[in-house]
Amino acid sequence: MPETRPVDAPHPRRTDDGRVVLDWWCDLACADGADSVETLDALRDRVGDLLEVRLRHFPLTDHVWAVAAAQCQEEARTQGRGEEFAVHALAAVHDIEGPADYVELAEHLGLDANAMAEALFDGRHAARVSTDHAEGRALGVTAVPTFVLDGSLLDASSDGTAGLDELERAVRRARNG
């Protein structure tokens, strides 16, 4: 069962068009993240356009390519395909043998692989990844996947598919509250 606890996070958080913001703290080199993609897809099916999911990076030290994965996802985001890259990176997590595999994935997705390689080399997205990680730690994120919604943190690291009903209730409460 996932752990839920209040956190000192801004709430309620909404987009300009009124959607509820769900921060998805994830390590793109962690297999548990792939399970959380299924949870998020199911949640979107249930709540439709009430929700905006925002990927937040929380690379774990025991996943050697986690920072590279996060930086590549940020580069993919600048190319307009960040979420797609994240989903594919998580699906391939067991096949990744190094940063070059993320560049190859970018090329496979039709992204600018040269820009991806340059971003890894020059570290242009390192500050964003580091900032996300620091903000996650300040909120009490210790494992992934973790969701933060409307002042509550849901640690789903023990079961990445857990908490779907709880997340749905929280989205609806936030939307109506």
N, C-alpha and C. Protein backbone atom coordinates (compact mmCIF):
# COMPACT_ATOMS: atom_id res chain seq x y z
N MET A 1 0.85 -1.18 0.00
CA MET A 1 0.00 0.00 0.00
C MET A 1 0.89 1.24 0.00
N PRO A 2 0.62 2.19 -0.87
CA PRO A 2 1.45 3.39 -0.91
C PRO A 2 1.27 4.25 0.33
N GLU A 3 2.32 4.95 0.67
CA GLU A 3 2.28 5.85 1.82
C GLU A 3 1.86 7.23 1.34
N THR A 4 0.89 7.84 2.03
CA THR A 4 0.46 9.20 1.73
C THR A 4 0.69 10.06 2.95
N ARG A 5 1.22 11.25 2.73
CA ARG A 5 1.41 12.17 3.85
C ARG A 5 1.34 13.60 3.32
N PRO A 6 0.95 14.53 4.19
CA PRO A 6 0.93 15.93 3.77
C PRO A 6 2.35 16.46 3.59
N VAL A 7 2.51 17.37 2.65
CA VAL A 7 3.80 18.00 2.42
C VAL A 7 3.61 19.51 2.29
N ASP A 8 4.69 20.21 2.48
CA ASP A 8 4.66 21.66 2.35
C ASP A 8 4.87 22.01 0.88
N ALA A 9 3.82 21.78 0.11
CA ALA A 9 3.85 22.07 -1.32
C ALA A 9 2.69 23.00 -1.63
N PRO A 10 2.84 23.84 -2.61
CA PRO A 10 1.74 24.74 -2.94
C PRO A 10 0.50 23.94 -3.34
N HIS A 11 -0.62 24.33 -2.80
CA HIS A 11 -1.86 23.69 -3.18
C HIS A 11 -2.99 24.67 -2.94
N PRO A 12 -4.03 24.63 -3.66
CA PRO A 12 -4.15 23.80 -4.86
C PRO A 12 -3.35 24.40 -6.01
N ARG A 13 -2.76 23.54 -6.82
CA ARG A 13 -2.01 23.99 -7.99
C ARG A 13 -2.85 23.70 -9.22
N ARG A 14 -2.98 24.70 -10.06
CA ARG A 14 -3.76 24.58 -11.28
C ARG A 14 -3.00 25.19 -12.45
N THR A 15 -3.30 24.70 -13.62
CA THR A 15 -2.81 25.34 -14.84
C THR A 15 -3.70 26.55 -15.10
N ASP A 16 -3.31 27.38 -16.06
CA ASP A 16 -4.12 28.54 -16.41
C ASP A 16 -5.53 28.16 -16.85
N ASP A 17 -5.67 26.97 -17.43
CA ASP A 17 -7.01 26.54 -17.88
C ASP A 17 -7.73 25.68 -16.84
N GLY A 18 -7.21 25.63 -15.61
CA GLY A 18 -7.93 24.99 -14.51
C GLY A 18 -7.61 23.53 -14.25
N ARG A 19 -6.71 22.93 -15.02
CA ARG A 19 -6.37 21.53 -14.75
C ARG A 19 -5.56 21.42 -13.47
N VAL A 20 -5.75 20.30 -12.77
CA VAL A 20 -5.02 20.01 -11.54
C VAL A 20 -3.62 19.53 -11.92
N VAL A 21 -2.60 20.05 -11.24
CA VAL A 21 -1.21 19.68 -11.52
C VAL A 21 -0.80 18.53 -10.60
N LEU A 22 -0.29 17.47 -11.21
CA LEU A 22 0.25 16.32 -10.50
C LEU A 22 1.74 16.25 -10.82
N ASP A 23 2.57 16.41 -9.81
CA ASP A 23 4.01 16.25 -10.01
C ASP A 23 4.35 14.77 -9.87
N TRP A 24 5.00 14.25 -10.89
CA TRP A 24 5.39 12.84 -10.96
C TRP A 24 6.91 12.80 -10.78
N TRP A 25 7.36 12.42 -9.60
CA TRP A 25 8.78 12.33 -9.30
C TRP A 25 9.25 10.96 -9.75
N CYS A 26 10.23 10.95 -10.67
CA CYS A 26 10.61 9.70 -11.31
C CYS A 26 12.11 9.69 -11.62
N ASP A 27 12.65 8.50 -11.64
CA ASP A 27 14.02 8.23 -12.09
C ASP A 27 13.85 7.44 -13.38
N LEU A 28 14.27 8.03 -14.50
CA LEU A 28 14.04 7.41 -15.80
C LEU A 28 14.92 6.19 -16.06
N ALA A 29 15.79 5.87 -15.10
CA ALA A 29 16.61 4.66 -15.22
C ALA A 29 16.15 3.60 -14.23
N CYS A 30 14.96 3.78 -13.67
CA CYS A 30 14.43 2.87 -12.66
C CYS A 30 13.23 2.13 -13.22
N ALA A 31 13.25 0.82 -13.11
CA ALA A 31 12.16 0.00 -13.64
C ALA A 31 10.82 0.31 -13.00
N ASP A 32 10.80 0.77 -11.77
CA ASP A 32 9.54 1.10 -11.11
C ASP A 32 8.81 2.24 -11.83
N GLY A 33 9.56 3.07 -12.52
CA GLY A 33 8.94 4.16 -13.27
C GLY A 33 8.04 3.67 -14.38
N ALA A 34 8.40 2.55 -15.00
CA ALA A 34 7.57 1.99 -16.07
C ALA A 34 6.20 1.61 -15.55
N ASP A 35 6.13 1.06 -14.35
CA ASP A 35 4.85 0.74 -13.74
C ASP A 35 4.02 2.00 -13.51
N SER A 36 4.69 3.07 -13.13
CA SER A 36 3.94 4.30 -12.84
C SER A 36 3.36 4.91 -14.11
N VAL A 37 3.96 4.63 -15.27
CA VAL A 37 3.39 5.10 -16.54
C VAL A 37 2.01 4.50 -16.73
N GLU A 38 1.87 3.21 -16.41
CA GLU A 38 0.57 2.55 -16.50
C GLU A 38 -0.44 3.19 -15.56
N THR A 39 0.00 3.52 -14.35
CA THR A 39 -0.89 4.18 -13.38
C THR A 39 -1.35 5.52 -13.93
N LEU A 40 -0.41 6.30 -14.47
CA LEU A 40 -0.76 7.62 -15.00
C LEU A 40 -1.69 7.51 -16.19
N ASP A 41 -1.46 6.54 -17.06
CA ASP A 41 -2.36 6.34 -18.21
C ASP A 41 -3.77 6.01 -17.73
N ALA A 42 -3.87 5.13 -16.74
CA ALA A 42 -5.18 4.76 -16.20
C ALA A 42 -5.84 5.97 -15.53
N LEU A 43 -5.05 6.77 -14.82
CA LEU A 43 -5.59 7.95 -14.17
C LEU A 43 -6.12 8.93 -15.22
N ARG A 44 -5.37 9.13 -16.28
CA ARG A 44 -5.84 10.03 -17.36
C ARG A 44 -7.13 9.50 -17.98
N ASP A 45 -7.23 8.17 -18.13
CA ASP A 45 -8.46 7.59 -18.67
C ASP A 45 -9.65 7.91 -17.75
N ARG A 46 -9.42 7.91 -16.45
CA ARG A 46 -10.51 8.13 -15.49
C ARG A 46 -10.90 9.60 -15.35
N VAL A 47 -9.91 10.50 -15.37
CA VAL A 47 -10.22 11.91 -15.08
C VAL A 47 -10.15 12.81 -16.30
N GLY A 48 -9.73 12.28 -17.42
CA GLY A 48 -9.70 13.06 -18.66
C GLY A 48 -8.84 14.30 -18.56
N ASP A 49 -9.39 15.40 -19.01
CA ASP A 49 -8.60 16.63 -19.11
C ASP A 49 -8.59 17.44 -17.81
N LEU A 50 -8.95 16.82 -16.69
CA LEU A 50 -8.86 17.51 -15.41
C LEU A 50 -7.42 17.59 -14.90
N LEU A 51 -6.51 16.87 -15.53
CA LEU A 51 -5.18 16.63 -14.98
C LEU A 51 -4.07 17.06 -15.92
N GLU A 52 -3.04 17.66 -15.34
CA GLU A 52 -1.79 17.87 -16.06
C GLU A 52 -0.67 17.23 -15.24
N VAL A 53 0.01 16.26 -15.86
CA VAL A 53 1.11 15.57 -15.20
C VAL A 53 2.40 16.28 -15.58
N ARG A 54 3.20 16.58 -14.58
CA ARG A 54 4.51 17.21 -14.82
C ARG A 54 5.59 16.29 -14.27
N LEU A 55 6.44 15.81 -15.16
CA LEU A 55 7.56 14.97 -14.77
C LEU A 55 8.57 15.81 -14.01
N ARG A 56 8.95 15.32 -12.85
CA ARG A 56 10.01 15.94 -12.05
C ARG A 56 11.09 14.89 -11.86
N HIS A 57 12.32 15.29 -12.02
CA HIS A 57 13.43 14.35 -11.98
C HIS A 57 13.90 14.09 -10.56
N PHE A 58 14.02 12.80 -10.25
CA PHE A 58 14.58 12.39 -8.97
C PHE A 58 15.51 11.20 -9.21
N PRO A 59 16.67 11.48 -9.87
CA PRO A 59 17.60 10.38 -10.15
C PRO A 59 18.16 9.80 -8.85
N LEU A 60 18.14 8.49 -8.78
CA LEU A 60 18.65 7.79 -7.60
C LEU A 60 20.11 7.39 -7.83
N THR A 61 20.89 7.42 -6.77
CA THR A 61 22.32 7.16 -6.90
C THR A 61 22.63 5.73 -7.32
N ASP A 62 21.72 4.80 -7.08
CA ASP A 62 22.01 3.41 -7.45
C ASP A 62 21.68 3.11 -8.92
N HIS A 63 21.21 4.10 -9.65
CA HIS A 63 20.98 3.94 -11.09
C HIS A 63 21.99 4.80 -11.84
N VAL A 64 23.01 4.16 -12.32
CA VAL A 64 24.19 4.84 -12.84
C VAL A 64 23.88 5.78 -14.01
N TRP A 65 22.86 5.49 -14.81
CA TRP A 65 22.57 6.35 -15.96
C TRP A 65 21.41 7.31 -15.70
N ALA A 66 20.97 7.43 -14.47
CA ALA A 66 19.78 8.22 -14.16
C ALA A 66 19.92 9.70 -14.52
N VAL A 67 21.04 10.29 -14.23
CA VAL A 67 21.23 11.71 -14.53
C VAL A 67 21.28 11.92 -16.04
N ALA A 68 21.96 11.02 -16.75
CA ALA A 68 21.99 11.12 -18.22
C ALA A 68 20.59 10.99 -18.80
N ALA A 69 19.80 10.07 -18.27
CA ALA A 69 18.43 9.89 -18.75
C ALA A 69 17.62 11.16 -18.52
N ALA A 70 17.76 11.76 -17.35
CA ALA A 70 17.02 12.98 -17.04
C ALA A 70 17.44 14.13 -17.95
N GLN A 71 18.74 14.27 -18.17
CA GLN A 71 19.20 15.35 -19.05
C GLN A 71 18.72 15.14 -20.48
N CYS A 72 18.70 13.90 -20.93
CA CYS A 72 18.20 13.62 -22.28
C CYS A 72 16.70 13.91 -22.38
N GLN A 73 15.96 13.58 -21.34
CA GLN A 73 14.53 13.88 -21.35
C GLN A 73 14.31 15.37 -21.40
N GLU A 74 15.11 16.13 -20.70
CA GLU A 74 14.99 17.59 -20.75
C GLU A 74 15.29 18.11 -22.15
N GLU A 75 16.28 17.54 -22.81
CA GLU A 75 16.56 17.95 -24.19
C GLU A 75 15.40 17.58 -25.10
N ALA A 76 14.83 16.40 -24.90
CA ALA A 76 13.66 16.00 -25.69
C ALA A 76 12.50 16.96 -25.43
N ARG A 77 12.36 17.41 -24.19
CA ARG A 77 11.30 18.38 -23.86
C ARG A 77 11.50 19.67 -24.66
N THR A 78 12.75 20.11 -24.78
CA THR A 78 12.99 21.34 -25.55
C THR A 78 12.66 21.13 -27.03
N GLN A 79 12.68 19.88 -27.45
CA GLN A 79 12.33 19.55 -28.84
C GLN A 79 10.84 19.20 -28.96
N GLY A 80 10.09 19.38 -27.87
CA GLY A 80 8.65 19.19 -27.90
C GLY A 80 8.16 17.77 -27.68
N ARG A 81 9.06 16.88 -27.23
CA ARG A 81 8.65 15.48 -27.11
C ARG A 81 9.15 14.85 -25.80
N GLY A 82 9.16 15.63 -24.75
CA GLY A 82 9.69 15.16 -23.47
C GLY A 82 8.95 13.99 -22.87
N GLU A 83 7.63 14.05 -22.86
CA GLU A 83 6.87 12.96 -22.26
C GLU A 83 7.03 11.68 -23.07
N GLU A 84 7.01 11.80 -24.37
CA GLU A 84 7.19 10.62 -25.23
C GLU A 84 8.55 9.99 -24.98
N PHE A 85 9.59 10.82 -24.88
CA PHE A 85 10.92 10.29 -24.61
C PHE A 85 10.94 9.57 -23.26
N ALA A 86 10.34 10.16 -22.23
CA ALA A 86 10.34 9.55 -20.91
C ALA A 86 9.67 8.18 -20.94
N VAL A 87 8.53 8.08 -21.60
CA VAL A 87 7.81 6.81 -21.67
C VAL A 87 8.66 5.75 -22.37
N HIS A 88 9.29 6.13 -23.47
CA HIS A 88 10.13 5.16 -24.21
C HIS A 88 11.39 4.80 -23.42
N ALA A 89 11.98 5.76 -22.73
CA ALA A 89 13.17 5.47 -21.92
C ALA A 89 12.83 4.49 -20.81
N LEU A 90 11.68 4.69 -20.18
CA LEU A 90 11.26 3.77 -19.12
C LEU A 90 10.96 2.39 -19.68
N ALA A 91 10.37 2.33 -20.85
CA ALA A 91 10.06 1.03 -21.47
C ALA A 91 11.34 0.27 -21.81
N ALA A 92 12.41 0.99 -22.08
CA ALA A 92 13.68 0.37 -22.48
C ALA A 92 14.68 0.27 -21.33
N VAL A 93 14.23 0.53 -20.11
CA VAL A 93 15.15 0.66 -18.98
C VAL A 93 16.08 -0.55 -18.82
N HIS A 94 15.61 -1.74 -19.13
CA HIS A 94 16.46 -2.93 -18.96
C HIS A 94 17.46 -3.10 -20.10
N ASP A 95 17.27 -2.37 -21.18
CA ASP A 95 18.15 -2.49 -22.34
C ASP A 95 19.21 -1.39 -22.40
N ILE A 96 19.10 -0.38 -21.57
CA ILE A 96 20.03 0.75 -21.60
C ILE A 96 21.36 0.32 -20.98
N GLU A 97 22.41 0.52 -21.75
CA GLU A 97 23.75 0.17 -21.27
C GLU A 97 24.65 1.39 -21.10
N GLY A 98 24.14 2.56 -21.43
CA GLY A 98 24.92 3.77 -21.28
C GLY A 98 24.24 4.94 -21.94
N PRO A 99 24.79 6.15 -21.75
CA PRO A 99 24.20 7.36 -22.30
C PRO A 99 23.99 7.33 -23.82
N ALA A 100 24.86 6.63 -24.53
CA ALA A 100 24.72 6.56 -25.99
C ALA A 100 23.38 5.92 -26.37
N ASP A 101 22.87 5.03 -25.53
CA ASP A 101 21.58 4.41 -25.82
C ASP A 101 20.44 5.42 -25.76
N TYR A 102 20.56 6.45 -24.92
CA TYR A 102 19.54 7.50 -24.88
C TYR A 102 19.60 8.36 -26.14
N VAL A 103 20.80 8.57 -26.63
CA VAL A 103 20.95 9.32 -27.89
C VAL A 103 20.35 8.50 -29.04
N GLU A 104 20.62 7.21 -29.03
CA GLU A 104 20.04 6.33 -30.05
C GLU A 104 18.51 6.30 -29.96
N LEU A 105 17.99 6.30 -28.75
CA LEU A 105 16.54 6.34 -28.57
C LEU A 105 15.98 7.64 -29.16
N ALA A 106 16.66 8.74 -28.92
CA ALA A 106 16.22 10.02 -29.47
C ALA A 106 16.16 9.96 -30.99
N GLU A 107 17.19 9.39 -31.58
CA GLU A 107 17.22 9.26 -33.03
C GLU A 107 16.06 8.38 -33.52
N HIS A 108 15.82 7.28 -32.83
CA HIS A 108 14.72 6.38 -33.17
C HIS A 108 13.37 7.10 -33.13
N LEU A 109 13.23 8.05 -32.18
CA LEU A 109 11.99 8.81 -32.05
C LEU A 109 11.90 9.99 -33.00
N GLY A 110 12.95 10.18 -33.81
CA GLY A 110 12.95 11.29 -34.76
C GLY A 110 13.37 12.61 -34.17
N LEU A 111 13.99 12.58 -32.99
CA LEU A 111 14.50 13.79 -32.37
C LEU A 111 15.88 14.11 -32.94
N ASP A 112 16.37 15.28 -32.67
CA ASP A 112 17.70 15.69 -33.11
C ASP A 112 18.73 15.02 -32.20
N ALA A 113 19.27 13.90 -32.66
CA ALA A 113 20.21 13.12 -31.86
C ALA A 113 21.51 13.89 -31.62
N ASN A 114 21.93 14.71 -32.58
CA ASN A 114 23.15 15.50 -32.38
C ASN A 114 22.96 16.49 -31.22
N ALA A 115 21.80 17.13 -31.18
CA ALA A 115 21.52 18.06 -30.08
C ALA A 115 21.47 17.31 -28.76
N MET A 116 20.93 16.09 -28.79
CA MET A 116 20.87 15.26 -27.58
C MET A 116 22.28 14.96 -27.08
N ALA A 117 23.16 14.54 -27.98
CA ALA A 117 24.54 14.23 -27.61
C ALA A 117 25.25 15.48 -27.09
N GLU A 118 25.03 16.60 -27.75
CA GLU A 118 25.65 17.86 -27.31
C GLU A 118 25.15 18.25 -25.92
N ALA A 119 23.86 18.06 -25.67
CA ALA A 119 23.30 18.40 -24.36
C ALA A 119 23.93 17.55 -23.25
N LEU A 120 24.17 16.29 -23.55
CA LEU A 120 24.85 15.45 -22.57
C LEU A 120 26.28 15.92 -22.35
N PHE A 121 26.94 16.28 -23.43
CA PHE A 121 28.33 16.69 -23.36
C PHE A 121 28.49 18.01 -22.60
N ASP A 122 27.65 18.99 -22.94
CA ASP A 122 27.84 20.31 -22.32
C ASP A 122 27.03 20.50 -21.02
N GLY A 123 26.16 19.55 -20.70
CA GLY A 123 25.44 19.61 -19.44
C GLY A 123 24.43 20.74 -19.34
N ARG A 124 23.91 21.19 -20.47
CA ARG A 124 23.00 22.34 -20.46
C ARG A 124 21.74 22.13 -19.62
N HIS A 125 21.38 20.89 -19.36
CA HIS A 125 20.16 20.62 -18.57
C HIS A 125 20.47 20.12 -17.16
N ALA A 126 21.75 20.09 -16.82
CA ALA A 126 22.15 19.57 -15.51
C ALA A 126 21.56 20.38 -14.36
N ALA A 127 21.50 21.69 -14.50
CA ALA A 127 20.97 22.53 -13.42
C ALA A 127 19.49 22.24 -13.18
N ARG A 128 18.74 22.03 -14.26
CA ARG A 128 17.30 21.73 -14.11
C ARG A 128 17.11 20.41 -13.36
N VAL A 129 17.88 19.40 -13.74
CA VAL A 129 17.78 18.09 -13.09
C VAL A 129 18.18 18.22 -11.61
N SER A 130 19.23 18.93 -11.35
CA SER A 130 19.69 19.12 -9.98
C SER A 130 18.66 19.88 -9.14
N THR A 131 18.06 20.90 -9.73
CA THR A 131 17.03 21.68 -9.03
C THR A 131 15.83 20.80 -8.70
N ASP A 132 15.39 20.01 -9.68
CA ASP A 132 14.27 19.09 -9.42
C ASP A 132 14.60 18.18 -8.24
N HIS A 133 15.79 17.59 -8.29
CA HIS A 133 16.18 16.66 -7.23
C HIS A 133 16.18 17.34 -5.86
N ALA A 134 16.73 18.54 -5.80
CA ALA A 134 16.77 19.28 -4.52
C ALA A 134 15.36 19.61 -4.04
N GLU A 135 14.48 20.00 -4.95
CA GLU A 135 13.10 20.31 -4.56
C GLU A 135 12.39 19.05 -4.07
N GLY A 136 12.65 17.93 -4.73
CA GLY A 136 12.06 16.67 -4.28
C GLY A 136 12.51 16.31 -2.88
N ARG A 137 13.80 16.43 -2.63
CA ARG A 137 14.32 16.12 -1.28
C ARG A 137 13.68 17.03 -0.23
N ALA A 138 13.53 18.31 -0.58
CA ALA A 138 12.92 19.26 0.36
C ALA A 138 11.47 18.89 0.68
N LEU A 139 10.77 18.28 -0.27
CA LEU A 139 9.40 17.85 -0.05
C LEU A 139 9.31 16.53 0.72
N GLY A 140 10.43 15.81 0.77
CA GLY A 140 10.44 14.52 1.44
C GLY A 140 10.40 13.34 0.50
N VAL A 141 10.62 13.59 -0.79
CA VAL A 141 10.72 12.48 -1.73
C VAL A 141 11.99 11.72 -1.41
N THR A 142 11.86 10.40 -1.24
CA THR A 142 13.03 9.57 -0.94
C THR A 142 13.15 8.41 -1.91
N ALA A 143 12.09 8.13 -2.66
CA ALA A 143 12.06 6.99 -3.57
C ALA A 143 11.15 7.35 -4.74
N VAL A 144 11.20 6.53 -5.76
CA VAL A 144 10.37 6.76 -6.94
C VAL A 144 9.62 5.47 -7.28
N PRO A 145 8.48 5.62 -7.89
CA PRO A 145 7.80 6.87 -8.21
C PRO A 145 7.10 7.45 -6.98
N THR A 146 7.03 8.76 -6.97
CA THR A 146 6.30 9.49 -5.95
C THR A 146 5.47 10.55 -6.66
N PHE A 147 4.25 10.72 -6.19
CA PHE A 147 3.35 11.72 -6.76
C PHE A 147 3.07 12.78 -5.71
N VAL A 148 3.04 14.04 -6.13
CA VAL A 148 2.65 15.13 -5.24
C VAL A 148 1.49 15.85 -5.91
N LEU A 149 0.39 15.93 -5.14
CA LEU A 149 -0.84 16.52 -5.66
C LEU A 149 -1.54 17.25 -4.54
N ASP A 150 -1.73 18.52 -4.73
CA ASP A 150 -2.56 19.30 -3.82
C ASP A 150 -2.14 19.16 -2.36
N GLY A 151 -0.84 19.26 -2.10
CA GLY A 151 -0.35 19.23 -0.72
C GLY A 151 -0.20 17.86 -0.12
N SER A 152 -0.35 16.82 -0.93
CA SER A 152 -0.16 15.45 -0.44
C SER A 152 0.89 14.75 -1.27
N LEU A 153 1.71 13.97 -0.60
CA LEU A 153 2.73 13.17 -1.26
C LEU A 153 2.30 11.71 -1.18
N LEU A 154 2.30 11.04 -2.31
CA LEU A 154 1.98 9.62 -2.38
C LEU A 154 3.23 8.89 -2.85
N ASP A 155 3.84 8.13 -1.93
CA ASP A 155 5.03 7.34 -2.25
C ASP A 155 4.57 5.99 -2.75
N ALA A 156 4.69 5.78 -4.06
CA ALA A 156 4.25 4.53 -4.68
C ALA A 156 5.43 3.63 -5.01
N SER A 157 6.56 3.87 -4.36
CA SER A 157 7.78 3.12 -4.70
C SER A 157 7.68 1.64 -4.39
N SER A 158 6.86 1.27 -3.42
CA SER A 158 6.74 -0.15 -3.10
C SER A 158 5.91 -0.89 -4.14
N ASP A 159 5.07 -0.16 -4.85
CA ASP A 159 4.24 -0.73 -5.90
C ASP A 159 3.85 0.40 -6.84
N GLY A 160 4.56 0.54 -7.94
CA GLY A 160 4.35 1.65 -8.87
C GLY A 160 2.96 1.73 -9.42
N THR A 161 2.18 0.65 -9.35
CA THR A 161 0.82 0.69 -9.86
C THR A 161 -0.18 1.00 -8.75
N ALA A 162 0.28 1.11 -7.53
CA ALA A 162 -0.62 1.34 -6.40
C ALA A 162 -1.11 2.77 -6.38
N GLY A 163 -2.23 2.95 -5.73
CA GLY A 163 -2.69 4.30 -5.46
C GLY A 163 -3.57 4.92 -6.52
N LEU A 164 -3.98 4.17 -7.53
CA LEU A 164 -4.78 4.75 -8.61
C LEU A 164 -6.08 5.34 -8.07
N ASP A 165 -6.81 4.58 -7.25
CA ASP A 165 -8.07 5.09 -6.70
C ASP A 165 -7.82 6.33 -5.85
N GLU A 166 -6.76 6.27 -5.05
CA GLU A 166 -6.42 7.40 -4.19
C GLU A 166 -6.06 8.63 -5.01
N LEU A 167 -5.30 8.43 -6.08
CA LEU A 167 -4.95 9.55 -6.95
C LEU A 167 -6.19 10.14 -7.61
N GLU A 168 -7.09 9.28 -8.07
CA GLU A 168 -8.31 9.78 -8.70
C GLU A 168 -9.13 10.61 -7.72
N ARG A 169 -9.30 10.12 -6.50
CA ARG A 169 -10.05 10.87 -5.49
C ARG A 169 -9.39 12.22 -5.23
N ALA A 170 -8.06 12.23 -5.15
CA ALA A 170 -7.34 13.47 -4.88
C ALA A 170 -7.51 14.47 -6.02
N VAL A 171 -7.47 14.00 -7.26
CA VAL A 171 -7.67 14.90 -8.41
C VAL A 171 -9.07 15.49 -8.36
N ARG A 172 -10.06 14.66 -8.13
CA ARG A 172 -11.45 15.15 -8.10
C ARG A 172 -11.68 16.10 -6.93
N ARG A 173 -11.09 15.79 -5.76
CA ARG A 173 -11.19 16.68 -4.60
C ARG A 173 -10.55 18.03 -4.91
N ALA A 174 -9.36 17.99 -5.50
CA ALA A 174 -8.65 19.21 -5.83
C ALA A 174 -9.42 20.04 -6.85
N ARG A 175 -10.00 19.37 -7.81
CA ARG A 175 -10.74 20.07 -8.86
C ARG A 175 -12.00 20.73 -8.30
N ASN A 176 -12.63 20.05 -7.37
CA ASN A 176 -13.89 20.56 -6.83
C ASN A 176 -13.70 21.46 -5.60
N GLY A 177 -12.48 21.41 -5.02
CA GLY A 177 -12.24 22.14 -3.79
C GLY A 177 -11.81 23.50 -4.00
